[in-house]
Amino acid sequence: MDAPLLDALCNSDLTLLLDRAVRRDLCSGDVLHLAGDRPDRVHLIERGIVKLTSRDSEGEETILGLATPGTVCGDLAAVDGRRHPVDAVAATAVSVIGFDAPSFLEVVMRNPEAALELARIQAARTRWMADIALERTSGEASARIAGRLLDLGRMLGTERGQVIEMELPLGQRDLGKLAGVCRESTCKTLRKLKADGVVDYRGRRLRILRPDSLRMMRCGAGD
């Protein structure tokens, strides 16, 4: 697993963290933490995808972001000492390493490169959430789906020439929640993209055949 945050720690601090760590395996749908929980642990994602979600007064879920392998989850609450602002739920089968939050912060803060890497993780997540929020106020459903497919391809995909291949970590309903559109619109958009030769998929296995077309849709220059 590629984990730049751990790689930036000195050997003694890395050993200290790992010796006290707790490993957990979660199935899809299992809860890592809920909004309002105390920040007792910071979790490093070893395998799988964790979705960061919020619910409205009627219990409707919105996916605000994803925690991917090599990044951490629960770090924001650990840094500011407040309760978790979002739910963290396994989107796939997930393996995590849980670190005691105060010990994690102590170790990171005495390793400048690790502190910078934690800041990079938080900055990337904040930028992605900001981009999603902006698209939800101004973008058509097809543009939002195109944007999320490109983001997922960048984070999880493998490039083979001009084609990007990946295993989608989210079903169509959750992909729609990530894009801020209903499941019906998500299905309709994916079918059109497949018919137009922009993507091809079977089950969760998806190939982006024409990334440039998705980029044009994201920018509002195409359907």
Foldseek 3Di string as FASTA:
>chain_A
DDAQLLVLFDPVLSCVFQVPKDKDKDAAFDWPDAFPAFLFWKKAWQDAKKFWWDADPVRDIATQFIHHHNAIPSLVCLVVVGTHHTTIGTLHTTMIIIGGSVSVVVRQVVRVSSVVVNVVRVVVSVVSSVLLVVCLVPPDLLLLLLVLVVVCQVVAWDDDDQKTKGQASHDLQNSCSHNVHHSVSSVVSVVVCVVVVQKDDDHRIIMGPHNVQSVCNNVVNHD
